[in-house]
Amino acid sequence: MVKVHLWSGLRAFAGGAEVVEVEATTIGEMLDALVAAHPGLEDAIEAGVSVSIDGRIIAAGLTEAVAPENEIYLMQRLKGG
């Protein structure tokens, strides 16, 4: 199981939880598992989110590995400009 920290705007869709646990080995599996466990998260995830693993924003995509020892944050999509 990986622990995913949710930004404050998403917590209402996960029963108010700041941290949720899901079974996943990649970012893609993690996002799918989050939606399966908390369907209210689907719109925000589909709109786009940023994922931070151990303080590094992941831009590589859905195949990046996640593990129980990682510190994972789901954040509002970061945009440059």
N, C-alpha and C. Protein backbone atom coordinates (compact mmCIF):
# COMPACT_ATOMS: atom_id res chain seq x y z
N MET A 1 0.84 -1.18 0.00
CA MET A 1 0.00 0.00 0.00
C MET A 1 0.88 1.24 0.00
N VAL A 2 0.46 2.23 -0.78
CA VAL A 2 1.15 3.51 -0.76
C VAL A 2 0.25 4.55 -0.10
N LYS A 3 0.86 5.48 0.60
CA LYS A 3 0.12 6.56 1.25
C LYS A 3 0.21 7.79 0.35
N VAL A 4 -0.96 8.35 0.06
CA VAL A 4 -1.03 9.52 -0.82
C VAL A 4 -1.59 10.69 -0.02
N HIS A 5 -0.83 11.76 0.05
CA HIS A 5 -1.27 12.99 0.73
C HIS A 5 -2.07 13.81 -0.28
N LEU A 6 -3.25 14.27 0.13
CA LEU A 6 -4.12 15.03 -0.76
C LEU A 6 -4.07 16.51 -0.43
N TRP A 7 -4.07 17.36 -1.47
CA TRP A 7 -4.16 18.79 -1.21
C TRP A 7 -5.55 19.09 -0.67
N SER A 8 -5.67 20.18 0.04
CA SER A 8 -6.88 20.47 0.82
C SER A 8 -8.14 20.47 -0.01
N GLY A 9 -8.09 20.88 -1.27
CA GLY A 9 -9.27 20.91 -2.13
C GLY A 9 -9.82 19.54 -2.46
N LEU A 10 -9.04 18.51 -2.31
CA LEU A 10 -9.49 17.15 -2.62
C LEU A 10 -9.99 16.38 -1.41
N ARG A 11 -9.67 16.83 -0.24
CA ARG A 11 -9.97 16.05 0.96
C ARG A 11 -11.46 15.80 1.15
N ALA A 12 -12.31 16.73 0.75
CA ALA A 12 -13.76 16.54 0.89
C ALA A 12 -14.24 15.35 0.07
N PHE A 13 -13.55 15.04 -1.02
CA PHE A 13 -13.94 13.92 -1.89
C PHE A 13 -13.39 12.58 -1.39
N ALA A 14 -12.62 12.63 -0.31
CA ALA A 14 -12.05 11.41 0.28
C ALA A 14 -12.44 11.33 1.75
N GLY A 15 -13.65 11.76 2.05
CA GLY A 15 -14.14 11.68 3.42
C GLY A 15 -13.40 12.57 4.40
N GLY A 16 -12.76 13.61 3.89
CA GLY A 16 -12.03 14.53 4.75
C GLY A 16 -10.61 14.10 5.08
N ALA A 17 -10.20 12.96 4.52
CA ALA A 17 -8.86 12.43 4.83
C ALA A 17 -7.75 13.25 4.19
N GLU A 18 -6.71 13.50 4.95
CA GLU A 18 -5.52 14.17 4.41
C GLU A 18 -4.62 13.16 3.72
N VAL A 19 -4.63 11.92 4.19
CA VAL A 19 -3.81 10.85 3.63
C VAL A 19 -4.71 9.64 3.39
N VAL A 20 -4.60 9.06 2.18
CA VAL A 20 -5.34 7.84 1.87
C VAL A 20 -4.34 6.78 1.41
N GLU A 21 -4.68 5.53 1.62
CA GLU A 21 -3.81 4.43 1.21
C GLU A 21 -4.47 3.63 0.10
N VAL A 22 -3.68 3.30 -0.92
CA VAL A 22 -4.16 2.48 -2.03
C VAL A 22 -3.07 1.49 -2.42
N GLU A 23 -3.48 0.42 -3.06
CA GLU A 23 -2.55 -0.58 -3.57
C GLU A 23 -2.14 -0.17 -4.98
N ALA A 24 -0.85 0.09 -5.20
CA ALA A 24 -0.36 0.50 -6.51
C ALA A 24 1.15 0.36 -6.58
N THR A 25 1.65 0.15 -7.81
CA THR A 25 3.09 0.10 -8.03
C THR A 25 3.57 1.16 -9.02
N THR A 26 2.62 1.85 -9.69
CA THR A 26 2.96 2.94 -10.61
C THR A 26 2.01 4.11 -10.35
N ILE A 27 2.36 5.27 -10.88
CA ILE A 27 1.48 6.43 -10.73
C ILE A 27 0.12 6.16 -11.37
N GLY A 28 0.10 5.54 -12.55
CA GLY A 28 -1.16 5.24 -13.21
C GLY A 28 -2.05 4.34 -12.37
N GLU A 29 -1.48 3.29 -11.80
CA GLU A 29 -2.24 2.40 -10.92
C GLU A 29 -2.73 3.16 -9.69
N MET A 30 -1.90 4.05 -9.18
CA MET A 30 -2.27 4.81 -8.00
C MET A 30 -3.48 5.70 -8.29
N LEU A 31 -3.45 6.40 -9.42
CA LEU A 31 -4.57 7.28 -9.77
C LEU A 31 -5.85 6.47 -9.99
N ASP A 32 -5.74 5.33 -10.67
CA ASP A 32 -6.91 4.47 -10.88
C ASP A 32 -7.46 3.97 -9.54
N ALA A 33 -6.56 3.58 -8.64
CA ALA A 33 -6.99 3.07 -7.33
C ALA A 33 -7.63 4.18 -6.49
N LEU A 34 -7.12 5.39 -6.61
CA LEU A 34 -7.72 6.51 -5.88
C LEU A 34 -9.15 6.74 -6.34
N VAL A 35 -9.38 6.71 -7.65
CA VAL A 35 -10.73 6.91 -8.18
C VAL A 35 -11.64 5.75 -7.78
N ALA A 36 -11.12 4.52 -7.80
CA ALA A 36 -11.92 3.36 -7.41
C ALA A 36 -12.33 3.46 -5.94
N ALA A 37 -11.41 3.89 -5.09
CA ALA A 37 -11.69 3.98 -3.65
C ALA A 37 -12.50 5.22 -3.29
N HIS A 38 -12.31 6.30 -4.06
CA HIS A 38 -12.96 7.58 -3.77
C HIS A 38 -13.45 8.19 -5.09
N PRO A 39 -14.60 7.73 -5.60
CA PRO A 39 -15.08 8.18 -6.91
C PRO A 39 -15.21 9.70 -7.06
N GLY A 40 -15.37 10.41 -5.97
CA GLY A 40 -15.46 11.86 -6.04
C GLY A 40 -14.18 12.53 -6.52
N LEU A 41 -13.06 11.82 -6.49
CA LEU A 41 -11.79 12.37 -6.95
C LEU A 41 -11.64 12.34 -8.47
N GLU A 42 -12.52 11.61 -9.14
CA GLU A 42 -12.35 11.38 -10.58
C GLU A 42 -12.27 12.67 -11.40
N ASP A 43 -13.18 13.61 -11.17
CA ASP A 43 -13.17 14.84 -11.98
C ASP A 43 -11.85 15.59 -11.84
N ALA A 44 -11.35 15.73 -10.63
CA ALA A 44 -10.10 16.45 -10.41
C ALA A 44 -8.93 15.72 -11.05
N ILE A 45 -8.90 14.41 -10.93
CA ILE A 45 -7.80 13.63 -11.51
C ILE A 45 -7.87 13.67 -13.03
N GLU A 46 -9.07 13.57 -13.58
CA GLU A 46 -9.22 13.64 -15.04
C GLU A 46 -8.83 15.03 -15.57
N ALA A 47 -9.07 16.08 -14.79
CA ALA A 47 -8.71 17.43 -15.21
C ALA A 47 -7.20 17.63 -15.20
N GLY A 48 -6.50 16.81 -14.44
CA GLY A 48 -5.05 16.87 -14.38
C GLY A 48 -4.55 17.23 -13.00
N VAL A 49 -3.62 16.46 -12.52
CA VAL A 49 -3.00 16.68 -11.23
C VAL A 49 -1.49 16.55 -11.38
N SER A 50 -0.78 17.06 -10.41
CA SER A 50 0.67 16.86 -10.34
C SER A 50 0.94 15.89 -9.21
N VAL A 51 1.95 15.06 -9.40
CA VAL A 51 2.33 14.08 -8.40
C VAL A 51 3.76 14.37 -7.97
N SER A 52 3.96 14.44 -6.67
CA SER A 52 5.29 14.62 -6.11
C SER A 52 5.67 13.33 -5.39
N ILE A 53 6.83 12.80 -5.73
CA ILE A 53 7.36 11.62 -5.05
C ILE A 53 8.69 12.01 -4.43
N ASP A 54 8.74 11.93 -3.11
CA ASP A 54 9.95 12.27 -2.37
C ASP A 54 10.48 13.66 -2.74
N GLY A 55 9.55 14.63 -2.89
CA GLY A 55 9.92 16.00 -3.16
C GLY A 55 10.22 16.33 -4.60
N ARG A 56 10.05 15.37 -5.50
CA ARG A 56 10.34 15.58 -6.93
C ARG A 56 9.03 15.52 -7.71
N ILE A 57 8.73 16.59 -8.46
CA ILE A 57 7.53 16.60 -9.30
C ILE A 57 7.79 15.65 -10.47
N ILE A 58 6.86 14.73 -10.67
CA ILE A 58 7.04 13.72 -11.71
C ILE A 58 6.42 14.19 -13.01
N ALA A 59 7.23 14.27 -14.04
CA ALA A 59 6.75 14.67 -15.35
C ALA A 59 6.86 13.50 -16.34
N ALA A 60 7.41 12.38 -15.88
CA ALA A 60 7.69 11.26 -16.77
C ALA A 60 6.44 10.49 -17.18
N GLY A 61 5.37 10.61 -16.45
CA GLY A 61 4.15 9.94 -16.85
C GLY A 61 3.67 8.91 -15.86
N LEU A 62 2.72 8.12 -16.35
CA LEU A 62 1.98 7.20 -15.50
C LEU A 62 2.74 5.93 -15.14
N THR A 63 3.87 5.68 -15.78
CA THR A 63 4.60 4.44 -15.53
C THR A 63 5.67 4.57 -14.44
N GLU A 64 5.83 5.77 -13.91
CA GLU A 64 6.81 5.99 -12.82
C GLU A 64 6.42 5.13 -11.61
N ALA A 65 7.38 4.45 -11.05
CA ALA A 65 7.12 3.55 -9.93
C ALA A 65 6.82 4.30 -8.64
N VAL A 66 5.95 3.70 -7.83
CA VAL A 66 5.68 4.18 -6.48
C VAL A 66 5.84 3.00 -5.53
N ALA A 67 6.25 3.28 -4.31
CA ALA A 67 6.48 2.23 -3.32
C ALA A 67 6.04 2.72 -1.95
N PRO A 68 5.76 1.79 -1.04
CA PRO A 68 5.31 2.19 0.30
C PRO A 68 6.24 3.15 1.03
N GLU A 69 7.52 3.09 0.76
CA GLU A 69 8.45 3.97 1.46
C GLU A 69 8.51 5.38 0.87
N ASN A 70 7.85 5.62 -0.27
CA ASN A 70 7.84 6.95 -0.88
C ASN A 70 6.90 7.90 -0.16
N GLU A 71 7.28 9.17 -0.15
CA GLU A 71 6.40 10.23 0.33
C GLU A 71 5.73 10.80 -0.92
N ILE A 72 4.41 10.59 -1.03
CA ILE A 72 3.68 10.92 -2.25
C ILE A 72 2.63 11.99 -1.95
N TYR A 73 2.63 13.03 -2.78
CA TYR A 73 1.64 14.10 -2.66
C TYR A 73 0.91 14.25 -4.00
N LEU A 74 -0.40 14.32 -3.93
CA LEU A 74 -1.23 14.62 -5.08
C LEU A 74 -1.58 16.10 -4.97
N MET A 75 -1.21 16.88 -5.98
CA MET A 75 -1.35 18.34 -5.89
C MET A 75 -2.08 18.86 -7.11
N GLN A 76 -2.56 20.09 -6.97
CA GLN A 76 -3.16 20.77 -8.08
C GLN A 76 -2.11 20.88 -9.18
N ARG A 77 -2.53 20.68 -10.43
CA ARG A 77 -1.58 20.70 -11.54
C ARG A 77 -0.76 21.99 -11.53
N LEU A 78 0.56 21.82 -11.63
CA LEU A 78 1.46 22.97 -11.70
C LEU A 78 1.63 23.36 -13.17
N LYS A 79 1.46 24.64 -13.45
CA LYS A 79 1.55 25.12 -14.82
C LYS A 79 2.66 26.16 -14.92
N GLY A 80 3.39 26.10 -15.99
CA GLY A 80 4.44 27.08 -16.23
C GLY A 80 3.91 28.21 -17.08
N GLY A 81 4.76 29.18 -17.29
CA GLY A 81 4.26 30.25 -18.16
C GLY A 81 5.06 31.49 -18.11
